[in-house]
PDB file of N, CA and C in Angstrom:
ATOM      1  N   MET A   1       2.000 -11.051  -2.855  1.00  0.00           N
ATOM      2  CA  MET A   1       0.976  -9.928  -2.376  1.00  0.00           C
ATOM      3  C   MET A   1       0.864  -9.005  -3.327  1.00  0.00           C
ATOM      4  N   LYS A   2      -0.181  -8.207  -3.668  1.00  0.00           N
ATOM      5  CA  LYS A   2      -0.424  -7.142  -4.619  1.00  0.00           C
ATOM      6  C   LYS A   2      -0.832  -5.802  -3.876  1.00  0.00           C
ATOM      7  N   CYS A   3      -0.307  -4.699  -4.376  1.00  0.00           N
ATOM      8  CA  CYS A   3      -0.718  -3.401  -4.114  1.00  0.00           C
ATOM      9  C   CYS A   3      -2.274  -3.109  -4.201  1.00  0.00           C
ATOM     10  N   SER A   4      -2.838  -2.508  -3.168  1.00  0.00           N
ATOM     11  CA  SER A   4      -4.165  -2.335  -3.328  1.00  0.00           C
ATOM     12  C   SER A   4      -4.496  -1.289  -4.254  1.00  0.00           C
ATOM     13  N   ILE A   5      -3.707  -0.256  -4.791  1.00  0.00           N
ATOM     14  CA  ILE A   5      -3.743   0.760  -5.502  1.00  0.00           C
ATOM     15  C   ILE A   5      -3.592   0.425  -7.028  1.00  0.00           C
ATOM     16  N   CYS A   6      -2.423  -0.111  -7.353  1.00  0.00           N
ATOM     17  CA  CYS A   6      -1.888  -0.388  -8.717  1.00  0.00           C
ATOM     18  C   CYS A   6      -2.126  -1.710  -9.237  1.00  0.00           C
ATOM     19  N   LYS A   7      -2.281  -2.871  -8.177  1.00  0.00           N
ATOM     20  CA  LYS A   7      -2.471  -4.015  -8.291  1.00  0.00           C
ATOM     21  C   LYS A   7      -1.058  -4.979  -8.873  1.00  0.00           C
ATOM     22  N   ASN A   8      -0.027  -4.149  -8.886  1.00  0.00           N
ATOM     23  CA  ASN A   8       1.312  -4.695  -9.193  1.00  0.00           C
ATOM     24  C   ASN A   8       1.897  -5.472  -7.829  1.00  0.00           C
ATOM     25  N   LYS A   9       2.716  -6.348  -8.341  1.00  0.00           N
ATOM     26  CA  LYS A   9       3.322  -7.112  -7.051  1.00  0.00           C
ATOM     27  C   LYS A   9       4.068  -6.307  -6.029  1.00  0.00           C
ATOM     28  N   VAL A  10       3.925  -6.443  -4.876  1.00  0.00           N
ATOM     29  CA  VAL A  10       4.842  -5.625  -3.793  1.00  0.00           C
ATOM     30  C   VAL A  10       6.025  -6.482  -3.501  1.00  0.00           C
ATOM     31  N   ASN A  11       7.153  -5.882  -3.594  1.00  0.00           N
ATOM     32  CA  ASN A  11       8.354  -6.706  -3.341  1.00  0.00           C
ATOM     33  C   ASN A  11       8.566  -6.904  -1.884  1.00  0.00           C
ATOM     34  N   GLU A  12       9.323  -7.856  -1.616  1.00  0.00           N
ATOM     35  CA  GLU A  12       9.486  -8.207  -0.308  1.00  0.00           C
ATOM     36  C   GLU A  12      10.830  -8.636   0.053  1.00  0.00           C
ATOM     37  N   THR A  13      11.440  -8.497   1.272  1.00  0.00           N
ATOM     38  CA  THR A  13      12.854  -8.743   1.725  1.00  0.00           C
ATOM     39  C   THR A  13      12.920 -10.172   1.964  1.00  0.00           C
ATOM     40  N   PHE A  14      13.925 -10.667   2.227  1.00  0.00           N
ATOM     41  CA  PHE A  14      14.140 -12.252   2.355  1.00  0.00           C
ATOM     42  C   PHE A  14      13.519 -12.512   3.636  1.00  0.00           C
ATOM     43  N   LEU A  15      13.019 -11.613   4.558  1.00  0.00           N
ATOM     44  CA  LEU A  15      12.338 -12.070   5.751  1.00  0.00           C
ATOM     45  C   LEU A  15      10.831 -12.042   5.613  1.00  0.00           C
ATOM     46  N   LYS A  16      10.305 -12.016   4.340  1.00  0.00           N
ATOM     47  CA  LYS A  16       9.013 -11.812   3.932  1.00  0.00           C
ATOM     48  C   LYS A  16       8.297 -10.409   4.592  1.00  0.00           C
ATOM     49  N   LYS A  17       9.033  -9.425   4.798  1.00  0.00           N
ATOM     50  CA  LYS A  17       8.700  -7.977   4.958  1.00  0.00           C
ATOM     51  C   LYS A  17       8.361  -7.524   3.746  1.00  0.00           C
ATOM     52  N   ILE A  18       7.423  -6.654   3.655  1.00  0.00           N
ATOM     53  CA  ILE A  18       7.272  -5.757   2.302  1.00  0.00           C
ATOM     54  C   ILE A  18       7.909  -4.764   2.192  1.00  0.00           C
ATOM     55  N   ILE A  19       8.295  -4.168   0.944  1.00  0.00           N
ATOM     56  CA  ILE A  19       8.915  -2.879   0.719  1.00  0.00           C
ATOM     57  C   ILE A  19       7.839  -2.047   0.341  1.00  0.00           C
ATOM     58  N   GLY A  20       7.418  -1.268   1.311  1.00  0.00           N
ATOM     59  CA  GLY A  20       6.354  -0.506   1.234  1.00  0.00           C
ATOM     60  C   GLY A  20       5.559  -0.188   2.598  1.00  0.00           C
ATOM     61  N   THR A  21       4.221  -0.240   2.670  1.00  0.00           N
ATOM     62  CA  THR A  21       3.535  -0.012   3.813  1.00  0.00           C
ATOM     63  C   THR A  21       2.052  -0.628   3.958  1.00  0.00           C
ATOM     64  N   TYR A  22       1.671  -0.716   5.206  1.00  0.00           N
ATOM     65  CA  TYR A  22       0.232  -1.235   5.184  1.00  0.00           C
ATOM     66  C   TYR A  22      -0.429   0.021   5.676  1.00  0.00           C
ATOM     67  N   ILE A  23      -1.690   0.317   5.176  1.00  0.00           N
ATOM     68  CA  ILE A  23      -2.631   1.284   5.681  1.00  0.00           C
ATOM     69  C   ILE A  23      -4.034   0.552   6.035  1.00  0.00           C
ATOM     70  N   LYS A  24      -4.609   1.068   7.047  1.00  0.00           N
ATOM     71  CA  LYS A  24      -6.029   0.481   7.486  1.00  0.00           C
ATOM     72  C   LYS A  24      -7.078   1.394   6.857  1.00  0.00           C
ATOM     73  N   ASP A  25      -8.121   0.618   6.373  1.00  0.00           N
ATOM     74  CA  ASP A  25      -9.253   1.277   5.754  1.00  0.00           C
ATOM     75  C   ASP A  25     -10.259   1.681   7.005  1.00  0.00           C
ATOM     76  N   LYS A  26     -11.388   2.226   6.661  1.00  0.00           N
ATOM     77  CA  LYS A  26     -12.312   2.476   7.736  1.00  0.00           C
ATOM     78  C   LYS A  26     -12.861   1.352   8.385  1.00  0.00           C
ATOM     79  N   LYS A  27     -12.877   0.163   7.863  1.00  0.00           N
ATOM     80  CA  LYS A  27     -13.276  -1.113   8.357  1.00  0.00           C
ATOM     81  C   LYS A  27     -12.309  -1.777   9.372  1.00  0.00           C
ATOM     82  N   GLY A  28     -11.124  -1.346   9.245  1.00  0.00           N
ATOM     83  CA  GLY A  28      -9.834  -1.898   9.999  1.00  0.00           C
ATOM     84  C   GLY A  28      -9.102  -2.880   9.259  1.00  0.00           C
ATOM     85  N   LYS A  29      -9.447  -3.000   7.936  1.00  0.00           N
ATOM     86  CA  LYS A  29      -8.632  -3.915   7.027  1.00  0.00           C
ATOM     87  C   LYS A  29      -7.238  -3.345   6.754  1.00  0.00           C
ATOM     88  N   ARG A  30      -6.310  -4.423   6.800  1.00  0.00           N
ATOM     89  CA  ARG A  30      -4.978  -3.694   6.582  1.00  0.00           C
ATOM     90  C   ARG A  30      -4.680  -3.940   4.979  1.00  0.00           C
ATOM     91  N   LEU A  31      -4.346  -2.927   4.157  1.00  0.00           N
ATOM     92  CA  LEU A  31      -4.147  -3.008   2.865  1.00  0.00           C
ATOM     93  C   LEU A  31      -2.633  -2.661   2.493  1.00  0.00           C
ATOM     94  N   PRO A  32      -1.880  -3.545   1.804  1.00  0.00           N
ATOM     95  CA  PRO A  32      -0.684  -3.285   1.433  1.00  0.00           C
ATOM     96  C   PRO A  32      -0.594  -2.302   0.127  1.00  0.00           C
ATOM     97  N   ILE A  33       0.333  -1.297   0.483  1.00  0.00           N
ATOM     98  CA  ILE A  33       0.708  -0.278  -0.610  1.00  0.00           C
ATOM     99  C   ILE A  33       2.257  -0.330  -1.017  1.00  0.00           C
ATOM    100  N   CYS A  34       2.591  -0.373  -2.286  1.00  0.00           N
ATOM    101  CA  CYS A  34       3.879  -0.551  -2.599  1.00  0.00           C
ATOM    102  C   CYS A  34       4.649   0.684  -2.562  1.00  0.00           C
ATOM    103  N   SER A  35       5.864   0.931  -2.555  1.00  0.00           N
ATOM    104  CA  SER A  35       6.630   1.944  -2.407  1.00  0.00           C
ATOM    105  C   SER A  35       6.383   3.035  -3.653  1.00  0.00           C
ATOM    106  N   LYS A  36       6.074   2.525  -4.692  1.00  0.00           N
ATOM    107  CA  LYS A  36       5.852   3.568  -5.852  1.00  0.00           C
ATOM    108  C   LYS A  36       4.583   4.242  -5.626  1.00  0.00           C
ATOM    109  N   CYS A  37       3.552   3.684  -5.353  1.00  0.00           N
ATOM    110  CA  CYS A  37       2.364   4.261  -4.848  1.00  0.00           C
ATOM    111  C   CYS A  37       2.584   5.345  -3.549  1.00  0.00           C
ATOM    112  N   GLN A  38       3.445   4.978  -2.620  1.00  0.00           N
ATOM    113  CA  GLN A  38       3.715   5.833  -1.401  1.00  0.00           C
ATOM    114  C   GLN A  38       4.239   7.010  -2.024  1.00  0.00           C
ATOM    115  N   THR A  39       5.202   7.051  -2.805  1.00  0.00           N
ATOM    116  CA  THR A  39       5.915   8.292  -3.259  1.00  0.00           C
ATOM    117  C   THR A  39       5.088   9.002  -4.354  1.00  0.00           C
ATOM    118  N   LYS A  40       4.081   8.231  -5.130  1.00  0.00           N
ATOM    119  CA  LYS A  40       3.070   8.928  -6.004  1.00  0.00           C
ATOM    120  C   LYS A  40       2.228   9.967  -5.354  1.00  0.00           C
ATOM    121  N   PHE A  41       1.679   9.365  -4.154  1.00  0.00           N
ATOM    122  CA  PHE A  41       0.747  10.106  -3.056  1.00  0.00           C
ATOM    123  C   PHE A  41       1.407  10.804  -1.893  1.00  0.00           C
ATOM    124  N   ASN A  42       2.658  10.906  -2.050  1.00  0.00           N
ATOM    125  CA  ASN A  42       3.469  11.598  -0.890  1.00  0.00           C
ATOM    126  C   ASN A  42       3.218  11.113   0.587  1.00  0.00           C
ATOM    127  N   ASN A  43       2.733   9.920   0.684  1.00  0.00           N
ATOM    128  CA  ASN A  43       2.535   9.129   1.853  1.00  0.00           C
ATOM    129  C   ASN A  43       1.379   9.776   2.639  1.00  0.00           C
ATOM    130  N   ASP A  44       0.335  10.286   1.926  1.00  0.00           N
ATOM    131  CA  ASP A  44      -0.784  11.013   2.378  1.00  0.00           C
ATOM    132  C   ASP A  44      -1.900   9.866   2.340  1.00  0.00           C
ATOM    133  N   LYS A  45      -2.377   9.483   3.715  1.00  0.00           N
ATOM    134  CA  LYS A  45      -3.212   8.238   3.925  1.00  0.00           C
ATOM    135  C   LYS A  45      -4.453   8.555   3.194  1.00  0.00           C
ATOM    136  N   GLU A  46      -4.915   9.620   3.471  1.00  0.00           N
ATOM    137  CA  GLU A  46      -6.230   9.861   2.916  1.00  0.00           C
ATOM    138  C   GLU A  46      -6.479   9.960   1.280  1.00  0.00           C
ATOM    139  N   LYS A  47      -5.267  10.377   0.711  1.00  0.00           N
ATOM    140  CA  LYS A  47      -5.429  10.169  -0.657  1.00  0.00           C
ATOM    141  C   LYS A  47      -5.368   8.744  -1.274  1.00  0.00           C
ATOM    142  N   MET A  48      -4.388   7.899  -0.484  1.00  0.00           N
ATOM    143  CA  MET A  48      -4.227   6.650  -0.874  1.00  0.00           C
ATOM    144  C   MET A  48      -5.606   5.887  -0.657  1.00  0.00           C
ATOM    145  N   ILE A  49      -6.355   6.238   0.653  1.00  0.00           N
ATOM    146  CA  ILE A  49      -7.657   5.404   0.715  1.00  0.00           C
ATOM    147  C   ILE A  49      -8.682   6.070  -0.358  1.00  0.00           C
ATOM    148  N   ALA A  50      -8.686   7.077  -0.588  1.00  0.00           N
ATOM    149  CA  ALA A  50      -9.431   7.662  -1.747  1.00  0.00           C
ATOM    150  C   ALA A  50      -9.390   6.920  -3.154  1.00  0.00           C
ATOM    151  N   GLU A  51      -7.898   6.767  -3.336  1.00  0.00           N
ATOM    152  CA  GLU A  51      -7.762   6.065  -4.648  1.00  0.00           C
ATOM    153  C   GLU A  51      -8.080   4.562  -4.810  1.00  0.00           C
ATOM    154  N   ILE A  52      -8.099   4.041  -3.557  1.00  0.00           N
ATOM    155  CA  ILE A  52      -8.256   2.509  -3.508  1.00  0.00           C
ATOM    156  C   ILE A  52     -10.007   2.411  -3.820  1.00  0.00           C
ATOM    157  N   LYS A  53     -10.797   3.374  -3.433  1.00  0.00           N
ATOM    158  CA  LYS A  53     -12.356   3.031  -3.686  1.00  0.00           C
ATOM    159  C   LYS A  53     -12.634   3.585  -5.002  1.00  0.00           C
TER     160      LYS A  53
END
């Protein structure tokens, strides 16, 4: 699975849960975000969505 912002691989735990988060865009699609991008944008959903487009 790849991060929607930086296109790097999102790390997973042994139970296949991602180390990061999912955000939903305006269409309702779930997009994975890595933990590095989360800290880069200070967990601000609006900034992360703006960076994807």
